[in-house]
């Protein structure tokens, strides 16, 4: 189940082995389309954990991660960023990015 991150817990949440971080905003239509895709990927791929960051509520996290467009997806492995994808991504592309990194 996706976790909504706050500045106080973000850096501890990304320390898990594989974490897919979704930087989003409530007003962003592509972000709204991305949410069910990420939840499905998390359900289908047990090795990945989804963390969601609302950039309007947590701008410092977005700034530290250099997020400049929405939605932005970042994949972390043991706390280190290994992939970044900006813009709406269909499920097949999200799964392909995870497969490229041997997440499953």
PDB file of N, CA and C in Angstrom:
ATOM      1  N   UNK A   1       0.835  -1.175   0.000  1.00  0.00           N
ATOM      2  CA  UNK A   1       0.000   0.000   0.000  1.00  0.00           C
ATOM      3  C   UNK A   1       0.885   1.245   0.000  1.00  0.00           C
ATOM      4  N   UNK A   2       0.577   2.170  -0.864  1.00  0.00           N
ATOM      5  CA  UNK A   2       1.375   3.391  -0.993  1.00  0.00           C
ATOM      6  C   UNK A   2       1.355   4.184   0.313  1.00  0.00           C
ATOM      7  N   UNK A   3       2.484   4.802   0.599  1.00  0.00           N
ATOM      8  CA  UNK A   3       2.633   5.610   1.804  1.00  0.00           C
ATOM      9  C   UNK A   3       2.749   7.070   1.377  1.00  0.00           C
ATOM     10  N   UNK A   4       1.989   7.935   2.016  1.00  0.00           N
ATOM     11  CA  UNK A   4       2.125   9.373   1.784  1.00  0.00           C
ATOM     12  C   UNK A   4       3.229   9.888   2.694  1.00  0.00           C
ATOM     13  N   UNK A   5       4.233  10.477   2.083  1.00  0.00           N
ATOM     14  CA  UNK A   5       5.398  10.900   2.840  1.00  0.00           C
ATOM     15  C   UNK A   5       5.302  12.351   3.284  1.00  0.00           C
ATOM     16  N   UNK A   6       5.899  12.608   4.415  1.00  0.00           N
ATOM     17  CA  UNK A   6       6.103  13.954   4.947  1.00  0.00           C
ATOM     18  C   UNK A   6       7.611  14.174   5.020  1.00  0.00           C
ATOM     19  N   UNK A   7       7.994  15.397   5.192  1.00  0.00           N
ATOM     20  CA  UNK A   7       9.429  15.709   5.279  1.00  0.00           C
ATOM     21  C   UNK A   7      10.096  14.955   6.419  1.00  0.00           C
ATOM     22  N   UNK A   8       9.335  14.673   7.463  1.00  0.00           N
ATOM     23  CA  UNK A   8       9.915  14.010   8.631  1.00  0.00           C
ATOM     24  C   UNK A   8      10.240  12.543   8.401  1.00  0.00           C
ATOM     25  N   UNK A   9       9.600  11.887   7.413  1.00  0.00           N
ATOM     26  CA  UNK A   9       9.855  10.459   7.240  1.00  0.00           C
ATOM     27  C   UNK A   9      10.349  10.074   5.847  1.00  0.00           C
ATOM     28  N   UNK A  10      10.472  11.014   4.934  1.00  0.00           N
ATOM     29  CA  UNK A  10      10.830  10.693   3.559  1.00  0.00           C
ATOM     30  C   UNK A  10      12.143   9.926   3.465  1.00  0.00           C
ATOM     31  N   UNK A  11      13.182  10.449   4.074  1.00  0.00           N
ATOM     32  CA  UNK A  11      14.496   9.838   3.901  1.00  0.00           C
ATOM     33  C   UNK A  11      14.606   8.475   4.580  1.00  0.00           C
ATOM     34  N   UNK A  12      13.807   8.212   5.577  1.00  0.00           N
ATOM     35  CA  UNK A  12      13.795   6.863   6.152  1.00  0.00           C
ATOM     36  C   UNK A  12      12.985   5.913   5.256  1.00  0.00           C
ATOM     37  N   UNK A  13      11.923   6.409   4.625  1.00  0.00           N
ATOM     38  CA  UNK A  13      11.112   5.559   3.754  1.00  0.00           C
ATOM     39  C   UNK A  13      11.881   5.079   2.527  1.00  0.00           C
ATOM     40  N   UNK A  14      12.746   5.921   1.978  1.00  0.00           N
ATOM     41  CA  UNK A  14      13.449   5.519   0.758  1.00  0.00           C
ATOM     42  C   UNK A  14      14.626   4.587   1.026  1.00  0.00           C
ATOM     43  N   UNK A  15      14.890   4.263   2.275  1.00  0.00           N
ATOM     44  CA  UNK A  15      15.985   3.358   2.615  1.00  0.00           C
ATOM     45  C   UNK A  15      15.647   1.898   2.338  1.00  0.00           C
ATOM     46  N   UNK A  16      14.391   1.599   2.037  1.00  0.00           N
ATOM     47  CA  UNK A  16      14.030   0.226   1.706  1.00  0.00           C
ATOM     48  C   UNK A  16      14.729  -0.168   0.404  1.00  0.00           C
ATOM     49  N   UNK A  17      14.730  -1.464   0.110  1.00  0.00           N
ATOM     50  CA  UNK A  17      15.490  -1.930  -1.048  1.00  0.00           C
ATOM     51  C   UNK A  17      15.051  -1.248  -2.343  1.00  0.00           C
ATOM     52  N   UNK A  18      13.781  -1.349  -2.721  1.00  0.00           N
ATOM     53  CA  UNK A  18      13.273  -0.718  -3.941  1.00  0.00           C
ATOM     54  C   UNK A  18      12.086   0.159  -3.599  1.00  0.00           C
ATOM     55  N   UNK A  19      12.201   1.444  -3.910  1.00  0.00           N
ATOM     56  CA  UNK A  19      11.135   2.397  -3.617  1.00  0.00           C
ATOM     57  C   UNK A  19      10.864   3.228  -4.865  1.00  0.00           C
ATOM     58  N   UNK A  20       9.594   3.297  -5.230  1.00  0.00           N
ATOM     59  CA  UNK A  20       9.147   4.120  -6.344  1.00  0.00           C
ATOM     60  C   UNK A  20       8.450   5.326  -5.752  1.00  0.00           C
ATOM     61  N   UNK A  21       9.043   6.504  -5.923  1.00  0.00           N
ATOM     62  CA  UNK A  21       8.493   7.728  -5.347  1.00  0.00           C
ATOM     63  C   UNK A  21       7.724   8.482  -6.426  1.00  0.00           C
ATOM     64  N   UNK A  22       6.502   8.825  -6.085  1.00  0.00           N
ATOM     65  CA  UNK A  22       5.607   9.563  -6.970  1.00  0.00           C
ATOM     66  C   UNK A  22       5.486  10.990  -6.453  1.00  0.00           C
ATOM     67  N   UNK A  23       6.056  11.948  -7.185  1.00  0.00           N
ATOM     68  CA  UNK A  23       5.904  13.356  -6.851  1.00  0.00           C
ATOM     69  C   UNK A  23       4.686  13.854  -7.611  1.00  0.00           C
ATOM     70  N   UNK A  24       3.689  14.345  -6.888  1.00  0.00           N
ATOM     71  CA  UNK A  24       2.401  14.666  -7.490  1.00  0.00           C
ATOM     72  C   UNK A  24       1.789  15.904  -6.836  1.00  0.00           C
ATOM     73  N   UNK A  25       0.675  16.351  -7.420  1.00  0.00           N
ATOM     74  CA  UNK A  25      -0.123  17.431  -6.843  1.00  0.00           C
ATOM     75  C   UNK A  25      -1.585  17.138  -7.156  1.00  0.00           C
ATOM     76  N   UNK A  26      -2.477  17.576  -6.284  1.00  0.00           N
ATOM     77  CA  UNK A  26      -3.910  17.299  -6.439  1.00  0.00           C
ATOM     78  C   UNK A  26      -4.483  17.931  -7.703  1.00  0.00           C
ATOM     79  N   UNK A  27      -3.954  19.045  -8.131  1.00  0.00           N
ATOM     80  CA  UNK A  27      -4.459  19.762  -9.300  1.00  0.00           C
ATOM     81  C   UNK A  27      -3.946  19.198 -10.627  1.00  0.00           C
ATOM     82  N   UNK A  28      -3.037  18.244 -10.571  1.00  0.00           N
ATOM     83  CA  UNK A  28      -2.355  17.700 -11.752  1.00  0.00           C
ATOM     84  C   UNK A  28      -3.123  16.493 -12.307  1.00  0.00           C
ATOM     85  N   UNK A  29      -3.769  16.676 -13.459  1.00  0.00           N
ATOM     86  CA  UNK A  29      -4.549  15.588 -14.064  1.00  0.00           C
ATOM     87  C   UNK A  29      -3.688  14.374 -14.414  1.00  0.00           C
ATOM     88  N   UNK A  30      -2.518  14.536 -15.037  1.00  0.00           N
ATOM     89  CA  UNK A  30      -1.681  13.351 -15.291  1.00  0.00           C
ATOM     90  C   UNK A  30      -1.285  12.627 -14.000  1.00  0.00           C
ATOM     91  N   UNK A  31      -1.117  13.380 -12.913  1.00  0.00           N
ATOM     92  CA  UNK A  31      -0.796  12.761 -11.626  1.00  0.00           C
ATOM     93  C   UNK A  31      -1.948  11.866 -11.170  1.00  0.00           C
ATOM     94  N   UNK A  32      -3.154  12.330 -11.344  1.00  0.00           N
ATOM     95  CA  UNK A  32      -4.324  11.547 -10.943  1.00  0.00           C
ATOM     96  C   UNK A  32      -4.422  10.260 -11.753  1.00  0.00           C
ATOM     97  N   UNK A  33      -4.020  10.306 -13.025  1.00  0.00           N
ATOM     98  CA  UNK A  33      -4.032   9.107 -13.868  1.00  0.00           C
ATOM     99  C   UNK A  33      -2.911   8.134 -13.487  1.00  0.00           C
ATOM    100  N   UNK A  34      -1.855   8.671 -12.904  1.00  0.00           N
ATOM    101  CA  UNK A  34      -0.699   7.852 -12.535  1.00  0.00           C
ATOM    102  C   UNK A  34      -0.947   7.025 -11.282  1.00  0.00           C
ATOM    103  N   UNK A  35      -1.712   7.548 -10.357  1.00  0.00           N
ATOM    104  CA  UNK A  35      -1.913   6.873  -9.067  1.00  0.00           C
ATOM    105  C   UNK A  35      -2.373   5.425  -9.205  1.00  0.00           C
ATOM    106  N   UNK A  36      -3.444   5.120  -9.962  1.00  0.00           N
ATOM    107  CA  UNK A  36      -3.857   3.714 -10.047  1.00  0.00           C
ATOM    108  C   UNK A  36      -2.816   2.813 -10.708  1.00  0.00           C
ATOM    109  N   UNK A  37      -2.029   3.373 -11.602  1.00  0.00           N
ATOM    110  CA  UNK A  37      -0.966   2.596 -12.251  1.00  0.00           C
ATOM    111  C   UNK A  37       0.080   2.183 -11.224  1.00  0.00           C
ATOM    112  N   UNK A  38       0.472   3.124 -10.381  1.00  0.00           N
ATOM    113  CA  UNK A  38       1.483   2.822  -9.369  1.00  0.00           C
ATOM    114  C   UNK A  38       0.968   1.846  -8.328  1.00  0.00           C
ATOM    115  N   UNK A  39      -0.291   2.000  -7.941  1.00  0.00           N
ATOM    116  CA  UNK A  39      -0.871   1.069  -6.973  1.00  0.00           C
ATOM    117  C   UNK A  39      -0.941  -0.343  -7.552  1.00  0.00           C
ATOM    118  N   UNK A  40      -1.254  -0.462  -8.835  1.00  0.00           N
ATOM    119  CA  UNK A  40      -1.286  -1.775  -9.488  1.00  0.00           C
ATOM    120  C   UNK A  40       0.111  -2.377  -9.554  1.00  0.00           C
ATOM    121  N   UNK A  41       1.105  -1.561  -9.899  1.00  0.00           N
ATOM    122  CA  UNK A  41       2.489  -2.053  -9.956  1.00  0.00           C
ATOM    123  C   UNK A  41       2.957  -2.531  -8.591  1.00  0.00           C
ATOM    124  N   UNK A  42       2.608  -1.782  -7.558  1.00  0.00           N
ATOM    125  CA  UNK A  42       3.010  -2.165  -6.208  1.00  0.00           C
ATOM    126  C   UNK A  42       2.369  -3.496  -5.813  1.00  0.00           C
ATOM    127  N   UNK A  43       1.144  -3.690  -6.219  1.00  0.00           N
ATOM    128  CA  UNK A  43       0.433  -4.931  -5.897  1.00  0.00           C
ATOM    129  C   UNK A  43       1.021  -6.115  -6.667  1.00  0.00           C
ATOM    130  N   UNK A  44       1.385  -5.875  -7.925  1.00  0.00           N
ATOM    131  CA  UNK A  44       1.899  -6.944  -8.795  1.00  0.00           C
ATOM    132  C   UNK A  44       3.376  -7.256  -8.557  1.00  0.00           C
ATOM    133  N   UNK A  45       4.122  -6.303  -8.032  1.00  0.00           N
ATOM    134  CA  UNK A  45       5.569  -6.469  -7.849  1.00  0.00           C
ATOM    135  C   UNK A  45       5.881  -6.275  -6.370  1.00  0.00           C
ATOM    136  N   UNK A  46       5.864  -7.330  -5.589  1.00  0.00           N
ATOM    137  CA  UNK A  46       6.043  -7.214  -4.142  1.00  0.00           C
ATOM    138  C   UNK A  46       7.357  -6.563  -3.708  1.00  0.00           C
ATOM    139  N   UNK A  47       8.366  -6.579  -4.555  1.00  0.00           N
ATOM    140  CA  UNK A  47       9.665  -6.010  -4.172  1.00  0.00           C
ATOM    141  C   UNK A  47       9.667  -4.484  -4.155  1.00  0.00           C
ATOM    142  N   UNK A  48       8.671  -3.862  -4.776  1.00  0.00           N
ATOM    143  CA  UNK A  48       8.669  -2.400  -4.862  1.00  0.00           C
ATOM    144  C   UNK A  48       7.658  -1.800  -3.883  1.00  0.00           C
ATOM    145  N   UNK A  49       8.082  -0.708  -3.260  1.00  0.00           N
ATOM    146  CA  UNK A  49       7.213   0.039  -2.340  1.00  0.00           C
ATOM    147  C   UNK A  49       6.973   1.411  -2.952  1.00  0.00           C
ATOM    148  N   UNK A  50       5.732   1.864  -2.923  1.00  0.00           N
ATOM    149  CA  UNK A  50       5.387   3.171  -3.484  1.00  0.00           C
ATOM    150  C   UNK A  50       5.266   4.194  -2.359  1.00  0.00           C
ATOM    151  N   UNK A  51       5.943   5.311  -2.550  1.00  0.00           N
ATOM    152  CA  UNK A  51       5.872   6.447  -1.629  1.00  0.00           C
ATOM    153  C   UNK A  51       5.391   7.634  -2.449  1.00  0.00           C
ATOM    154  N   UNK A  52       4.379   8.321  -1.954  1.00  0.00           N
ATOM    155  CA  UNK A  52       3.822   9.471  -2.656  1.00  0.00           C
ATOM    156  C   UNK A  52       4.182  10.757  -1.918  1.00  0.00           C
ATOM    157  N   UNK A  53       4.603  11.770  -2.674  1.00  0.00           N
ATOM    158  CA  UNK A  53       4.956  13.063  -2.106  1.00  0.00           C
ATOM    159  C   UNK A  53       4.123  14.133  -2.799  1.00  0.00           C
ATOM    160  N   UNK A  54       3.240  14.768  -2.038  1.00  0.00           N
ATOM    161  CA  UNK A  54       2.452  15.883  -2.549  1.00  0.00           C
ATOM    162  C   UNK A  54       3.368  17.110  -2.523  1.00  0.00           C
ATOM    163  N   UNK A  55       3.736  17.600  -3.693  1.00  0.00           N
ATOM    164  CA  UNK A  55       4.717  18.683  -3.767  1.00  0.00           C
ATOM    165  C   UNK A  55       4.189  20.004  -3.218  1.00  0.00           C
ATOM    166  N   UNK A  56       2.874  20.173  -3.200  1.00  0.00           N
ATOM    167  CA  UNK A  56       2.314  21.398  -2.621  1.00  0.00           C
ATOM    168  C   UNK A  56       2.425  21.393  -1.101  1.00  0.00           C
ATOM    169  N   UNK A  57       2.353  20.208  -0.506  1.00  0.00           N
ATOM    170  CA  UNK A  57       2.448  20.094   0.950  1.00  0.00           C
ATOM    171  C   UNK A  57       3.877  19.895   1.423  1.00  0.00           C
ATOM    172  N   UNK A  58       4.725  19.355   0.565  1.00  0.00           N
ATOM    173  CA  UNK A  58       6.109  19.047   0.928  1.00  0.00           C
ATOM    174  C   UNK A  58       7.091  19.590  -0.117  1.00  0.00           C
ATOM    175  N   UNK A  59       7.125  20.904  -0.306  1.00  0.00           N
ATOM    176  CA  UNK A  59       8.001  21.456  -1.347  1.00  0.00           C
ATOM    177  C   UNK A  59       9.495  21.250  -1.076  1.00  0.00           C
ATOM    178  N   UNK A  60       9.885  21.110   0.172  1.00  0.00           N
ATOM    179  CA  UNK A  60      11.314  20.925   0.459  1.00  0.00           C
ATOM    180  C   UNK A  60      11.827  19.585  -0.058  1.00  0.00           C
ATOM    181  N   UNK A  61      10.988  18.559   0.011  1.00  0.00           N
ATOM    182  CA  UNK A  61      11.404  17.254  -0.523  1.00  0.00           C
ATOM    183  C   UNK A  61      11.562  17.354  -2.036  1.00  0.00           C
ATOM    184  N   UNK A  62      10.579  17.963  -2.692  1.00  0.00           N
ATOM    185  CA  UNK A  62      10.641  18.121  -4.152  1.00  0.00           C
ATOM    186  C   UNK A  62      11.879  18.920  -4.554  1.00  0.00           C
ATOM    187  N   UNK A  63      12.193  19.938  -3.790  1.00  0.00           N
ATOM    188  CA  UNK A  63      13.361  20.758  -4.093  1.00  0.00           C
ATOM    189  C   UNK A  63      14.649  19.955  -3.918  1.00  0.00           C
ATOM    190  N   UNK A  64      14.752  19.201  -2.825  1.00  0.00           N
ATOM    191  CA  UNK A  64      15.959  18.401  -2.588  1.00  0.00           C
ATOM    192  C   UNK A  64      16.151  17.332  -3.660  1.00  0.00           C
ATOM    193  N   UNK A  65      15.034  16.828  -4.199  1.00  0.00           N
ATOM    194  CA  UNK A  65      15.106  15.800  -5.246  1.00  0.00           C
ATOM    195  C   UNK A  65      15.107  16.411  -6.645  1.00  0.00           C
ATOM    196  N   UNK A  66      15.153  17.727  -6.724  1.00  0.00           N
ATOM    197  CA  UNK A  66      15.218  18.473  -7.979  1.00  0.00           C
ATOM    198  C   UNK A  66      14.074  18.141  -8.929  1.00  0.00           C
ATOM    199  N   UNK A  67      12.877  18.066  -8.376  1.00  0.00           N
ATOM    200  CA  UNK A  67      11.681  17.816  -9.179  1.00  0.00           C
ATOM    201  C   UNK A  67      11.267  19.124  -9.834  1.00  0.00           C
ATOM    202  N   UNK A  68      11.136  19.089 -11.158  1.00  0.00           N
ATOM    203  CA  UNK A  68      10.796  20.304 -11.882  1.00  0.00           C
ATOM    204  C   UNK A  68       9.501  20.186 -12.668  1.00  0.00           C
ATOM    205  N   UNK A  69       8.956  18.991 -12.807  1.00  0.00           N
ATOM    206  CA  UNK A  69       7.707  18.789 -13.532  1.00  0.00           C
ATOM    207  C   UNK A  69       6.909  17.695 -12.872  1.00  0.00           C
ATOM    208  N   UNK A  70       5.620  17.680 -13.156  1.00  0.00           N
ATOM    209  CA  UNK A  70       4.739  16.671 -12.559  1.00  0.00           C
ATOM    210  C   UNK A  70       3.989  15.906 -13.636  1.00  0.00           C
ATOM    211  N   UNK A  71       3.719  14.658 -13.368  1.00  0.00           N
ATOM    212  CA  UNK A  71       4.280  13.867 -12.282  1.00  0.00           C
ATOM    213  C   UNK A  71       5.740  13.527 -12.565  1.00  0.00           C
ATOM    214  N   UNK A  72       6.482  13.327 -11.516  1.00  0.00           N
ATOM    215  CA  UNK A  72       7.851  12.820 -11.616  1.00  0.00           C
ATOM    216  C   UNK A  72       7.917  11.559 -10.782  1.00  0.00           C
ATOM    217  N   UNK A  73       8.443  10.513 -11.380  1.00  0.00           N
ATOM    218  CA  UNK A  73       8.651   9.251 -10.678  1.00  0.00           C
ATOM    219  C   UNK A  73      10.155   9.057 -10.498  1.00  0.00           C
ATOM    220  N   UNK A  74      10.547   8.712  -9.286  1.00  0.00           N
ATOM    221  CA  UNK A  74      11.946   8.398  -9.014  1.00  0.00           C
ATOM    222  C   UNK A  74      12.009   7.017  -8.370  1.00  0.00           C
ATOM    223  N   UNK A  75      12.937   6.222  -8.844  1.00  0.00           N
ATOM    224  CA  UNK A  75      13.153   4.902  -8.262  1.00  0.00           C
ATOM    225  C   UNK A  75      14.427   4.974  -7.428  1.00  0.00           C
ATOM    226  N   UNK A  76      14.291   4.558  -6.175  1.00  0.00           N
ATOM    227  CA  UNK A  76      15.426   4.532  -5.249  1.00  0.00           C
ATOM    228  C   UNK A  76      15.769   3.084  -4.923  1.00  0.00           C
ATOM    229  N   UNK A  77      17.040   2.807  -4.810  1.00  0.00           N
ATOM    230  CA  UNK A  77      17.510   1.493  -4.371  1.00  0.00           C
ATOM    231  C   UNK A  77      18.383   1.714  -3.148  1.00  0.00           C
ATOM    232  N   UNK A  78      17.905   1.214  -2.017  1.00  0.00           N
ATOM    233  CA  UNK A  78      18.622   1.383  -0.751  1.00  0.00           C
ATOM    234  C   UNK A  78      18.985   2.849  -0.485  1.00  0.00           C
ATOM    235  N   UNK A  79      18.040   3.741  -0.760  1.00  0.00           N
ATOM    236  CA  UNK A  79      18.223   5.150  -0.453  1.00  0.00           C
ATOM    237  C   UNK A  79      18.887   5.992  -1.524  1.00  0.00           C
ATOM    238  N   UNK A  80      19.339   5.366  -2.598  1.00  0.00           N
ATOM    239  CA  UNK A  80      20.023   6.110  -3.658  1.00  0.00           C
ATOM    240  C   UNK A  80      19.137   6.164  -4.908  1.00  0.00           C
ATOM    241  N   UNK A  81      19.000   7.346  -5.529  1.00  0.00           N
ATOM    242  CA  UNK A  81      18.192   7.439  -6.750  1.00  0.00           C
ATOM    243  C   UNK A  81      18.894   6.732  -7.908  1.00  0.00           C
ATOM    244  N   UNK A  82      18.135   5.872  -8.607  1.00  0.00           N
ATOM    245  CA  UNK A  82      18.718   5.139  -9.732  1.00  0.00           C
ATOM    246  C   UNK A  82      17.997   5.413 -11.051  1.00  0.00           C
ATOM    247  N   UNK A  83      16.817   5.990 -10.999  1.00  0.00           N
ATOM    248  CA  UNK A  83      16.074   6.306 -12.231  1.00  0.00           C
ATOM    249  C   UNK A  83      15.086   7.411 -11.948  1.00  0.00           C
ATOM    250  N   UNK A  84      14.912   8.287 -12.941  1.00  0.00           N
ATOM    251  CA  UNK A  84      13.935   9.383 -12.853  1.00  0.00           C
ATOM    252  C   UNK A  84      13.180   9.431 -14.176  1.00  0.00           C
ATOM    253  N   UNK A  85      11.866   9.558 -14.075  1.00  0.00           N
ATOM    254  CA  UNK A  85      11.017   9.666 -15.261  1.00  0.00           C
ATOM    255  C   UNK A  85      10.017  10.782 -15.008  1.00  0.00           C
ATOM    256  N   UNK A  86       9.938  11.731 -15.929  1.00  0.00           N
ATOM    257  CA  UNK A  86       8.995  12.840 -15.774  1.00  0.00           C
ATOM    258  C   UNK A  86       7.851  12.691 -16.769  1.00  0.00           C
ATOM    259  N   UNK A  87       6.689  13.163 -16.364  1.00  0.00           N
ATOM    260  CA  UNK A  87       5.512  13.098 -17.217  1.00  0.00           C
ATOM    261  C   UNK A  87       4.732  11.822 -17.008  1.00  0.00           C
ATOM    262  N   UNK A  88       3.529  11.806 -17.546  1.00  0.00           N
ATOM    263  CA  UNK A  88       2.670  10.620 -17.416  1.00  0.00           C
ATOM    264  C   UNK A  88       3.329   9.427 -18.087  1.00  0.00           C
ATOM    265  N   UNK A  89       3.312   8.298 -17.402  1.00  0.00           N
ATOM    266  CA  UNK A  89       3.873   7.058 -17.935  1.00  0.00           C
ATOM    267  C   UNK A  89       2.820   5.968 -17.872  1.00  0.00           C
ATOM    268  N   UNK A  90       2.527   5.300 -18.991  1.00  0.00           N
ATOM    269  CA  UNK A  90       1.594   4.177 -18.925  1.00  0.00           C
ATOM    270  C   UNK A  90       2.208   3.028 -18.115  1.00  0.00           C
ATOM    271  N   UNK A  91       1.364   2.142 -17.701  1.00  0.00           N
ATOM    272  CA  UNK A  91       1.789   1.033 -16.844  1.00  0.00           C
ATOM    273  C   UNK A  91       2.950   0.240 -17.453  1.00  0.00           C
ATOM    274  N   UNK A  92       2.895   0.022 -18.755  1.00  0.00           N
ATOM    275  CA  UNK A  92       3.942  -0.765 -19.413  1.00  0.00           C
ATOM    276  C   UNK A  92       5.309  -0.107 -19.265  1.00  0.00           C
ATOM    277  N   UNK A  93       5.357   1.224 -19.322  1.00  0.00           N
ATOM    278  CA  UNK A  93       6.640   1.924 -19.177  1.00  0.00           C
ATOM    279  C   UNK A  93       7.138   1.880 -17.741  1.00  0.00           C
ATOM    280  N   UNK A  94       6.232   1.984 -16.789  1.00  0.00           N
ATOM    281  CA  UNK A  94       6.641   1.899 -15.382  1.00  0.00           C
ATOM    282  C   UNK A  94       7.199   0.509 -15.104  1.00  0.00           C
ATOM    283  N   UNK A  95       6.485  -0.513 -15.564  1.00  0.00           N
ATOM    284  CA  UNK A  95       6.959  -1.890 -15.374  1.00  0.00           C
ATOM    285  C   UNK A  95       8.294  -2.109 -16.091  1.00  0.00           C
ATOM    286  N   UNK A  96       8.459  -1.548 -17.290  1.00  0.00           N
ATOM    287  CA  UNK A  96       9.707  -1.704 -18.039  1.00  0.00           C
ATOM    288  C   UNK A  96      10.869  -1.043 -17.301  1.00  0.00           C
ATOM    289  N   UNK A  97      10.632   0.122 -16.715  1.00  0.00           N
ATOM    290  CA  UNK A  97      11.689   0.800 -15.951  1.00  0.00           C
ATOM    291  C   UNK A  97      12.106  -0.054 -14.760  1.00  0.00           C
ATOM    292  N   UNK A  98      11.144  -0.657 -14.097  1.00  0.00           N
ATOM    293  CA  UNK A  98      11.454  -1.532 -12.958  1.00  0.00           C
ATOM    294  C   UNK A  98      12.161  -2.804 -13.413  1.00  0.00           C
ATOM    295  N   UNK A  99      11.723  -3.357 -14.546  1.00  0.00           N
ATOM    296  CA  UNK A  99      12.360  -4.567 -15.074  1.00  0.00           C
ATOM    297  C   UNK A  99      13.797  -4.287 -15.497  1.00  0.00           C
ATOM    298  N   UNK A 100      14.043  -3.112 -16.088  1.00  0.00           N
ATOM    299  CA  UNK A 100      15.407  -2.738 -16.497  1.00  0.00           C
ATOM    300  C   UNK A 100      16.368  -2.729 -15.313  1.00  0.00           C
ATOM    301  N   UNK A 101      15.827  -2.435 -14.138  1.00  0.00           N
ATOM    302  CA  UNK A 101      16.650  -2.378 -12.921  1.00  0.00           C
ATOM    303  C   UNK A 101      16.661  -3.712 -12.172  1.00  0.00           C
ATOM    304  N   UNK A 102      16.054  -4.733 -12.765  1.00  0.00           N
ATOM    305  CA  UNK A 102      15.986  -6.064 -12.161  1.00  0.00           C
ATOM    306  C   UNK A 102      15.268  -6.073 -10.825  1.00  0.00           C
ATOM    307  N   UNK A 103      14.207  -5.257 -10.737  1.00  0.00           N
ATOM    308  CA  UNK A 103      13.415  -5.231  -9.509  1.00  0.00           C
ATOM    309  C   UNK A 103      12.612  -6.521  -9.384  1.00  0.00           C
ATOM    310  N   UNK A 104      12.227  -7.094 -10.517  1.00  0.00           N
ATOM    311  CA  UNK A 104      11.484  -8.373 -10.497  1.00  0.00           C
ATOM    312  C   UNK A 104      11.923  -9.253 -11.626  1.00  0.00           C
TER     313      UNK A 104
END
